PDB file of N, CA and C in Angstrom:
ATOM      1  N   MET A   1       0.384   9.420   3.439  1.00  0.00           N
ATOM      2  CA  MET A   1       1.229   8.341   3.003  1.00  0.00           C
ATOM      3  C   MET A   1       1.909   8.774   1.709  1.00  0.00           C
ATOM      4  N   ARG A   2       3.208   8.990   1.786  1.00  0.00           N
ATOM      5  CA  ARG A   2       3.973   9.381   0.608  1.00  0.00           C
ATOM      6  C   ARG A   2       4.576   8.135  -0.013  1.00  0.00           C
ATOM      7  N   LEU A   3       4.417   8.026  -1.313  1.00  0.00           N
ATOM      8  CA  LEU A   3       4.955   6.892  -2.045  1.00  0.00           C
ATOM      9  C   LEU A   3       6.092   7.352  -2.938  1.00  0.00           C
ATOM     10  N   GLY A   4       7.128   6.544  -2.995  1.00  0.00           N
ATOM     11  CA  GLY A   4       8.200   6.809  -3.930  1.00  0.00           C
ATOM     12  C   GLY A   4       7.839   6.210  -5.290  1.00  0.00           C
ATOM     13  N   ILE A   5       8.808   6.174  -6.157  1.00  0.00           N
ATOM     14  CA  ILE A   5       8.572   5.629  -7.493  1.00  0.00           C
ATOM     15  C   ILE A   5       8.227   4.148  -7.420  1.00  0.00           C
ATOM     16  N   LEU A   6       8.982   3.393  -6.634  1.00  0.00           N
ATOM     17  CA  LEU A   6       8.709   1.955  -6.536  1.00  0.00           C
ATOM     18  C   LEU A   6       7.377   1.687  -5.854  1.00  0.00           C
ATOM     19  N   GLY A   7       7.038   2.472  -4.844  1.00  0.00           N
ATOM     20  CA  GLY A   7       5.750   2.315  -4.181  1.00  0.00           C
ATOM     21  C   GLY A   7       4.593   2.595  -5.116  1.00  0.00           C
ATOM     22  N   THR A   8       4.761   3.588  -5.973  1.00  0.00           N
ATOM     23  CA  THR A   8       3.719   3.912  -6.950  1.00  0.00           C
ATOM     24  C   THR A   8       3.557   2.793  -7.968  1.00  0.00           C
ATOM     25  N   ILE A   9       4.654   2.215  -8.404  1.00  0.00           N
ATOM     26  CA  ILE A   9       4.594   1.109  -9.358  1.00  0.00           C
ATOM     27  C   ILE A   9       3.954  -0.111  -8.706  1.00  0.00           C
ATOM     28  N   GLN A  10       4.288  -0.379  -7.442  1.00  0.00           N
ATOM     29  CA  GLN A  10       3.665  -1.501  -6.732  1.00  0.00           C
ATOM     30  C   GLN A  10       2.164  -1.287  -6.569  1.00  0.00           C
ATOM     31  N   LEU A  11       1.760  -0.063  -6.251  1.00  0.00           N
ATOM     32  CA  LEU A  11       0.340   0.237  -6.113  1.00  0.00           C
ATOM     33  C   LEU A  11      -0.386   0.046  -7.446  1.00  0.00           C
ATOM     34  N   ALA A  12       0.214   0.489  -8.533  1.00  0.00           N
ATOM     35  CA  ALA A  12      -0.405   0.315  -9.850  1.00  0.00           C
ATOM     36  C   ALA A  12      -0.541  -1.165 -10.199  1.00  0.00           C
ATOM     37  N   ALA A  13       0.476  -1.960  -9.892  1.00  0.00           N
ATOM     38  CA  ALA A  13       0.403  -3.397 -10.161  1.00  0.00           C
ATOM     39  C   ALA A  13      -0.675  -4.055  -9.309  1.00  0.00           C
ATOM     40  N   THR A  14      -0.812  -3.629  -8.075  1.00  0.00           N
ATOM     41  CA  THR A  14      -1.858  -4.171  -7.210  1.00  0.00           C
ATOM     42  C   THR A  14      -3.238  -3.798  -7.738  1.00  0.00           C
ATOM     43  N   LEU A  15      -3.388  -2.561  -8.189  1.00  0.00           N
ATOM     44  CA  LEU A  15      -4.681  -2.115  -8.709  1.00  0.00           C
ATOM     45  C   LEU A  15      -5.081  -2.866  -9.980  1.00  0.00           C
ATOM     46  N   ILE A  16      -4.096  -3.296 -10.762  1.00  0.00           N
ATOM     47  CA  ILE A  16      -4.390  -4.070 -11.969  1.00  0.00           C
ATOM     48  C   ILE A  16      -5.122  -5.363 -11.605  1.00  0.00           C
ATOM     49  N   PHE A  17      -4.743  -5.970 -10.480  1.00  0.00           N
ATOM     50  CA  PHE A  17      -5.387  -7.211 -10.059  1.00  0.00           C
ATOM     51  C   PHE A  17      -6.618  -6.965  -9.187  1.00  0.00           C
ATOM     52  N   ALA A  18      -6.631  -5.888  -8.416  1.00  0.00           N
ATOM     53  CA  ALA A  18      -7.744  -5.637  -7.506  1.00  0.00           C
ATOM     54  C   ALA A  18      -8.955  -5.017  -8.202  1.00  0.00           C
ATOM     55  N   ALA A  19      -8.747  -4.264  -9.259  1.00  0.00           N
ATOM     56  CA  ALA A  19      -9.856  -3.594  -9.937  1.00  0.00           C
ATOM     57  C   ALA A  19     -10.887  -4.580 -10.506  1.00  0.00           C
ATOM     58  N   PRO A  20     -10.481  -5.631 -11.210  1.00  0.00           N
ATOM     59  CA  PRO A  20     -11.501  -6.566 -11.708  1.00  0.00           C
ATOM     60  C   PRO A  20     -12.285  -7.251 -10.584  1.00  0.00           C
ATOM     61  N   VAL A  21     -11.614  -7.557  -9.480  1.00  0.00           N
ATOM     62  CA  VAL A  21     -12.304  -8.175  -8.346  1.00  0.00           C
ATOM     63  C   VAL A  21     -13.319  -7.199  -7.767  1.00  0.00           C
ATOM     64  N   GLY A  22     -12.927  -5.932  -7.629  1.00  0.00           N
ATOM     65  CA  GLY A  22     -13.840  -4.924  -7.113  1.00  0.00           C
ATOM     66  C   GLY A  22     -15.017  -4.676  -8.040  1.00  0.00           C
ATOM     67  N   ILE A  23     -14.752  -4.636  -9.326  1.00  0.00           N
ATOM     68  CA  ILE A  23     -15.833  -4.429 -10.300  1.00  0.00           C
ATOM     69  C   ILE A  23     -16.798  -5.615 -10.278  1.00  0.00           C
ATOM     70  N   PHE A  24     -16.254  -6.818 -10.176  1.00  0.00           N
ATOM     71  CA  PHE A  24     -17.105  -8.002 -10.051  1.00  0.00           C
ATOM     72  C   PHE A  24     -17.972  -7.906  -8.803  1.00  0.00           C
ATOM     73  N   GLY A  25     -17.378  -7.478  -7.687  1.00  0.00           N
ATOM     74  CA  GLY A  25     -18.126  -7.347  -6.448  1.00  0.00           C
ATOM     75  C   GLY A  25     -19.236  -6.316  -6.537  1.00  0.00           C
ATOM     76  N   VAL A  26     -18.940  -5.187  -7.148  1.00  0.00           N
ATOM     77  CA  VAL A  26     -19.966  -4.147  -7.302  1.00  0.00           C
ATOM     78  C   VAL A  26     -21.086  -4.644  -8.217  1.00  0.00           C
ATOM     79  N   THR A  27     -20.735  -5.352  -9.261  1.00  0.00           N
ATOM     80  CA  THR A  27     -21.742  -5.896 -10.167  1.00  0.00           C
ATOM     81  C   THR A  27     -22.653  -6.878  -9.431  1.00  0.00           C
ATOM     82  N   ARG A  28     -22.053  -7.755  -8.630  1.00  0.00           N
ATOM     83  CA  ARG A  28     -22.854  -8.719  -7.869  1.00  0.00           C
ATOM     84  C   ARG A  28     -23.727  -8.013  -6.831  1.00  0.00           C
ATOM     85  N   LEU A  29     -23.227  -6.941  -6.223  1.00  0.00           N
ATOM     86  CA  LEU A  29     -24.030  -6.178  -5.275  1.00  0.00           C
ATOM     87  C   LEU A  29     -25.233  -5.545  -5.960  1.00  0.00           C
ATOM     88  N   VAL A  30     -25.030  -4.991  -7.144  1.00  0.00           N
ATOM     89  CA  VAL A  30     -26.122  -4.362  -7.889  1.00  0.00           C
ATOM     90  C   VAL A  30     -27.167  -5.404  -8.287  1.00  0.00           C
ATOM     91  N   GLU A  31     -26.712  -6.616  -8.599  1.00  0.00           N
ATOM     92  CA  GLU A  31     -27.634  -7.688  -8.974  1.00  0.00           C
ATOM     93  C   GLU A  31     -28.366  -8.279  -7.775  1.00  0.00           C
ATOM     94  N   GLY A  32     -27.957  -7.907  -6.559  1.00  0.00           N
ATOM     95  CA  GLY A  32     -28.664  -8.375  -5.374  1.00  0.00           C
ATOM     96  C   GLY A  32     -27.969  -9.465  -4.588  1.00  0.00           C
ATOM     97  N   ASP A  33     -26.838  -9.938  -5.031  1.00  0.00           N
ATOM     98  CA  ASP A  33     -26.099 -10.982  -4.318  1.00  0.00           C
ATOM     99  C   ASP A  33     -25.130 -10.313  -3.343  1.00  0.00           C
ATOM    100  N   THR A  34     -25.628 -10.041  -2.135  1.00  0.00           N
ATOM    101  CA  THR A  34     -24.838  -9.250  -1.181  1.00  0.00           C
ATOM    102  C   THR A  34     -23.669 -10.024  -0.596  1.00  0.00           C
ATOM    103  N   LEU A  35     -23.809 -11.321  -0.403  1.00  0.00           N
ATOM    104  CA  LEU A  35     -22.728 -12.099   0.208  1.00  0.00           C
ATOM    105  C   LEU A  35     -21.508 -12.161  -0.705  1.00  0.00           C
ATOM    106  N   ILE A  36     -21.699 -12.585  -1.930  1.00  0.00           N
ATOM    107  CA  ILE A  36     -20.574 -12.688  -2.881  1.00  0.00           C
ATOM    108  C   ILE A  36     -20.058 -11.295  -3.243  1.00  0.00           C
ATOM    109  N   GLY A  37     -20.957 -10.359  -3.485  1.00  0.00           N
ATOM    110  CA  GLY A  37     -20.546  -9.008  -3.865  1.00  0.00           C
ATOM    111  C   GLY A  37     -19.775  -8.302  -2.765  1.00  0.00           C
ATOM    112  N   GLY A  38     -20.306  -8.388  -1.548  1.00  0.00           N
ATOM    113  CA  GLY A  38     -19.605  -7.765  -0.422  1.00  0.00           C
ATOM    114  C   GLY A  38     -18.261  -8.414  -0.155  1.00  0.00           C
ATOM    115  N   GLY A  39     -18.209  -9.734  -0.294  1.00  0.00           N
ATOM    116  CA  GLY A  39     -16.937 -10.439  -0.109  1.00  0.00           C
ATOM    117  C   GLY A  39     -15.909 -10.046  -1.148  1.00  0.00           C
ATOM    118  N   ALA A  40     -16.330  -9.919  -2.383  1.00  0.00           N
ATOM    119  CA  ALA A  40     -15.399  -9.545  -3.453  1.00  0.00           C
ATOM    120  C   ALA A  40     -14.893  -8.112  -3.264  1.00  0.00           C
ATOM    121  N   VAL A  41     -15.780  -7.214  -2.857  1.00  0.00           N
ATOM    122  CA  VAL A  41     -15.351  -5.829  -2.606  1.00  0.00           C
ATOM    123  C   VAL A  41     -14.385  -5.793  -1.426  1.00  0.00           C
ATOM    124  N   ALA A  42     -14.653  -6.583  -0.389  1.00  0.00           N
ATOM    125  CA  ALA A  42     -13.753  -6.637   0.766  1.00  0.00           C
ATOM    126  C   ALA A  42     -12.382  -7.200   0.383  1.00  0.00           C
ATOM    127  N   ILE A  43     -12.378  -8.215  -0.461  1.00  0.00           N
ATOM    128  CA  ILE A  43     -11.101  -8.790  -0.912  1.00  0.00           C
ATOM    129  C   ILE A  43     -10.323  -7.768  -1.734  1.00  0.00           C
ATOM    130  N   ALA A  44     -11.001  -7.045  -2.619  1.00  0.00           N
ATOM    131  CA  ALA A  44     -10.321  -6.030  -3.431  1.00  0.00           C
ATOM    132  C   ALA A  44      -9.741  -4.929  -2.548  1.00  0.00           C
ATOM    133  N   ALA A  45     -10.493  -4.498  -1.541  1.00  0.00           N
ATOM    134  CA  ALA A  45      -9.989  -3.471  -0.631  1.00  0.00           C
ATOM    135  C   ALA A  45      -8.796  -3.988   0.160  1.00  0.00           C
ATOM    136  N   ALA A  46      -8.863  -5.239   0.599  1.00  0.00           N
ATOM    137  CA  ALA A  46      -7.750  -5.829   1.338  1.00  0.00           C
ATOM    138  C   ALA A  46      -6.505  -5.946   0.468  1.00  0.00           C
ATOM    139  N   MET A  47      -6.690  -6.258  -0.810  1.00  0.00           N
ATOM    140  CA  MET A  47      -5.545  -6.373  -1.716  1.00  0.00           C
ATOM    141  C   MET A  47      -4.787  -5.054  -1.823  1.00  0.00           C
ATOM    142  N   VAL A  48      -5.500  -3.944  -1.735  1.00  0.00           N
ATOM    143  CA  VAL A  48      -4.864  -2.636  -1.877  1.00  0.00           C
ATOM    144  C   VAL A  48      -4.328  -2.130  -0.535  1.00  0.00           C
ATOM    145  N   LEU A  49      -5.092  -2.311   0.535  1.00  0.00           N
ATOM    146  CA  LEU A  49      -4.742  -1.698   1.809  1.00  0.00           C
ATOM    147  C   LEU A  49      -3.728  -2.489   2.630  1.00  0.00           C
ATOM    148  N   LEU A  50      -3.810  -3.805   2.632  1.00  0.00           N
ATOM    149  CA  LEU A  50      -2.938  -4.592   3.494  1.00  0.00           C
ATOM    150  C   LEU A  50      -1.440  -4.423   3.211  1.00  0.00           C
ATOM    151  N   PRO A  51      -0.995  -4.372   1.978  1.00  0.00           N
ATOM    152  CA  PRO A  51       0.448  -4.200   1.764  1.00  0.00           C
ATOM    153  C   PRO A  51       1.005  -2.887   2.334  1.00  0.00           C
ATOM    154  N   HIS A  52       0.161  -1.887   2.495  1.00  0.00           N
ATOM    155  CA  HIS A  52       0.640  -0.610   3.020  1.00  0.00           C
ATOM    156  C   HIS A  52       0.698  -0.584   4.536  1.00  0.00           C
ATOM    157  N   TYR A  53      -0.083  -1.427   5.191  1.00  0.00           N
ATOM    158  CA  TYR A  53      -0.165  -1.375   6.643  1.00  0.00           C
ATOM    159  C   TYR A  53       0.474  -2.559   7.347  1.00  0.00           C
ATOM    160  N   LEU A  54       0.829  -3.611   6.642  1.00  0.00           N
ATOM    161  CA  LEU A  54       1.491  -4.761   7.242  1.00  0.00           C
ATOM    162  C   LEU A  54       2.986  -4.712   6.955  1.00  0.00           C
ATOM    163  N   THR A  55       3.758  -5.165   7.909  1.00  0.00           N
ATOM    164  CA  THR A  55       5.209  -5.269   7.715  1.00  0.00           C
ATOM    165  C   THR A  55       5.521  -6.670   7.221  1.00  0.00           C
ATOM    166  N   THR A  56       6.161  -6.748   6.085  1.00  0.00           N
ATOM    167  CA  THR A  56       6.537  -8.031   5.513  1.00  0.00           C
ATOM    168  C   THR A  56       8.020  -8.292   5.787  1.00  0.00           C
ATOM    169  N   PRO A  57       8.469  -9.521   5.644  1.00  0.00           N
ATOM    170  CA  PRO A  57       9.886  -9.805   5.881  1.00  0.00           C
ATOM    171  C   PRO A  57      10.837  -9.003   4.985  1.00  0.00           C
ATOM    172  N   THR A  58      10.381  -8.615   3.806  1.00  0.00           N
ATOM    173  CA  THR A  58      11.251  -7.825   2.935  1.00  0.00           C
ATOM    174  C   THR A  58      11.328  -6.368   3.377  1.00  0.00           C
ATOM    175  N   ASP A  59      10.384  -5.911   4.195  1.00  0.00           N
ATOM    176  CA  ASP A  59      10.414  -4.529   4.684  1.00  0.00           C
ATOM    177  C   ASP A  59      11.372  -4.336   5.851  1.00  0.00           C
ATOM    178  N   ILE A  60      11.686  -5.400   6.584  1.00  0.00           N
ATOM    179  CA  ILE A  60      12.492  -5.280   7.801  1.00  0.00           C
ATOM    180  C   ILE A  60      13.893  -4.755   7.504  1.00  0.00           C
ATOM    181  N   PRO A  61      14.653  -5.279   6.534  1.00  0.00           N
ATOM    182  CA  PRO A  61      15.979  -4.719   6.272  1.00  0.00           C
ATOM    183  C   PRO A  61      15.930  -3.242   5.865  1.00  0.00           C
ATOM    184  N   MET A  62      14.901  -2.842   5.128  1.00  0.00           N
ATOM    185  CA  MET A  62      14.784  -1.452   4.716  1.00  0.00           C
ATOM    186  C   MET A  62      14.544  -0.553   5.928  1.00  0.00           C
ATOM    187  N   LYS A  63      13.695  -0.982   6.850  1.00  0.00           N
ATOM    188  CA  LYS A  63      13.419  -0.182   8.039  1.00  0.00           C
ATOM    189  C   LYS A  63      14.646  -0.086   8.935  1.00  0.00           C
ATOM    190  N   VAL A  64      15.378  -1.180   9.068  1.00  0.00           N
ATOM    191  CA  VAL A  64      16.616  -1.157   9.868  1.00  0.00           C
ATOM    192  C   VAL A  64      17.626  -0.224   9.223  1.00  0.00           C
ATOM    193  N   GLY A  65      17.760  -0.290   7.911  1.00  0.00           N
ATOM    194  CA  GLY A  65      18.691   0.598   7.209  1.00  0.00           C
ATOM    195  C   GLY A  65      18.310   2.055   7.353  1.00  0.00           C
ATOM    196  N   GLU A  66      17.026   2.372   7.299  1.00  0.00           N
ATOM    197  CA  GLU A  66      16.595   3.762   7.475  1.00  0.00           C
ATOM    198  C   GLU A  66      16.925   4.266   8.870  1.00  0.00           C
ATOM    199  N   ARG A  67      16.742   3.422   9.888  1.00  0.00           N
ATOM    200  CA  ARG A  67      17.069   3.838  11.257  1.00  0.00           C
ATOM    201  C   ARG A  67      18.563   4.062  11.430  1.00  0.00           C
ATOM    202  N   VAL A  68      19.362   3.177  10.849  1.00  0.00           N
ATOM    203  CA  VAL A  68      20.814   3.322  10.976  1.00  0.00           C
ATOM    204  C   VAL A  68      21.275   4.595  10.277  1.00  0.00           C
ATOM    205  N   VAL A  69      20.785   4.830   9.085  1.00  0.00           N
ATOM    206  CA  VAL A  69      21.187   6.023   8.343  1.00  0.00           C
ATOM    207  C   VAL A  69      20.738   7.283   9.062  1.00  0.00           C
ATOM    208  N   SER A  70      19.525   7.285   9.596  1.00  0.00           N
ATOM    209  CA  SER A  70      19.051   8.484  10.285  1.00  0.00           C
ATOM    210  C   SER A  70      19.804   8.706  11.587  1.00  0.00           C
ATOM    211  N   ALA A  71      20.321   7.644  12.209  1.00  0.00           N
ATOM    212  CA  ALA A  71      21.099   7.805  13.433  1.00  0.00           C
ATOM    213  C   ALA A  71      22.499   8.317  13.137  1.00  0.00           C
ATOM    214  N   VAL A  72      23.056   7.913  11.996  1.00  0.00           N
ATOM    215  CA  VAL A  72      24.425   8.299  11.666  1.00  0.00           C
ATOM    216  C   VAL A  72      24.466   9.659  10.986  1.00  0.00           C
ATOM    217  N   VAL A  73      23.581   9.903  10.067  1.00  0.00           N
ATOM    218  CA  VAL A  73      23.583  11.135   9.288  1.00  0.00           C
ATOM    219  C   VAL A  73      22.503  12.054   9.817  1.00  0.00           C
ATOM    220  N   LYS A  74      22.914  13.205  10.301  1.00  0.00           N
ATOM    221  CA  LYS A  74      21.955  14.186  10.790  1.00  0.00           C
ATOM    222  C   LYS A  74      21.730  15.230   9.720  1.00  0.00           C
ATOM    223  N   GLU A  75      20.459  15.625   9.523  1.00  0.00           N
ATOM    224  CA  GLU A  75      20.158  16.664   8.557  1.00  0.00           C
ATOM    225  C   GLU A  75      20.561  18.010   9.136  1.00  0.00           C
ATOM    226  N   PRO A  76      21.157  18.877   8.313  1.00  0.00           N
ATOM    227  CA  PRO A  76      21.574  20.174   8.830  1.00  0.00           C
ATOM    228  C   PRO A  76      20.365  21.045   9.188  1.00  0.00           C
ATOM    229  N   ASP A  77      20.537  21.837  10.246  1.00  0.00           N
ATOM    230  CA  ASP A  77      19.500  22.779  10.625  1.00  0.00           C
ATOM    231  C   ASP A  77      19.463  23.916   9.615  1.00  0.00           C
ATOM    232  N   ASP A  78      18.368  24.653   9.589  1.00  0.00           N
ATOM    233  CA  ASP A  78      18.255  25.776   8.668  1.00  0.00           C
ATOM    234  C   ASP A  78      19.271  26.861   8.996  1.00  0.00           C
ATOM    235  N   ASP A  79      19.613  27.015  10.274  1.00  0.00           N
ATOM    236  CA  ASP A  79      20.578  28.039  10.663  1.00  0.00           C
ATOM    237  C   ASP A  79      21.991  27.687  10.198  1.00  0.00           C
ATOM    238  N   GLU A  80      22.323  26.396  10.219  1.00  0.00           N
ATOM    239  CA  GLU A  80      23.665  25.976   9.810  1.00  0.00           C
ATOM    240  C   GLU A  80      23.850  26.069   8.301  1.00  0.00           C
ATOM    241  N   ALA A  81      22.799  25.912   7.535  1.00  0.00           N
ATOM    242  CA  ALA A  81      22.913  25.912   6.085  1.00  0.00           C
ATOM    243  C   ALA A  81      23.165  27.301   5.520  1.00  0.00           C
ATOM    244  N   SER A  82      22.719  28.338   6.223  1.00  0.00           N
ATOM    245  CA  SER A  82      22.902  29.689   5.679  1.00  0.00           C
ATOM    246  C   SER A  82      24.081  30.406   6.207  1.00  0.00           C
TER     247      SER A  82
END
């Protein structure tokens, strides 16, 4: 999974909110509260992973634009460039 600059910034912003939830979950797991701790760790993991694997309404125009551009503009072959 390659991230651009905006993807990296979005991931960092997500981690700012997911890290405290994950740390809370790990702390509760260590203290013996498996239900709350496991739930908090699962929520933190979902906060990080779901945005990368789900298509949101804001992603649809970008995907359509990428398909249109790739259909119209062909990358030159290595033989043509030299």
